[in-house]
């Protein structure tokens, strides 16, 4: 790739698909969870964040495929109306293409050029839509909840560049 930037598979957002997916997801949660609880004070923090004029970076751990879906629910509840974007392993995104319609974009998590692509793409999206919400799992992969999480450098780099 030229200038050390790896291939990036951009998001192809679809408002109608996002709405359909939200309806489907809200029906799935009660079937698979007894409850979804927030730490005391979280709703107030999320409400305050929703009033922030700039971009928001929403982090979640990644123990299962439900983690990004819970982030989707949080976005719909507190940040609806703000553009959403989320990085995903480009190989997995090619298999599960519908995630692109929800704001997922594909990067190569195993190479430094993938990090550069991530930072560049998010910077471009934040510049185009300053109230965007980046939903990201800082370890970048499924992790056994009993193991210590190893955080990849992209989250810190993005937070430093977009306070």
Foldseek 3Di string as FASTA:
>chain_A
DPPLADDKFFFDADPVVLVVVVVVLVVVDVVPDVDDDDDPPVVVVLQVLLPDPFEAEAEDAAQDPCTVVVVSVSCVVRPPVAAEAEEAAQVVCVVVVVVSNNHYMHFHPPDPSSLVNVLVVVVVVCVVGGHYYYYYHQLRDHDNPVDDGDGDPNVVVNVVVTD
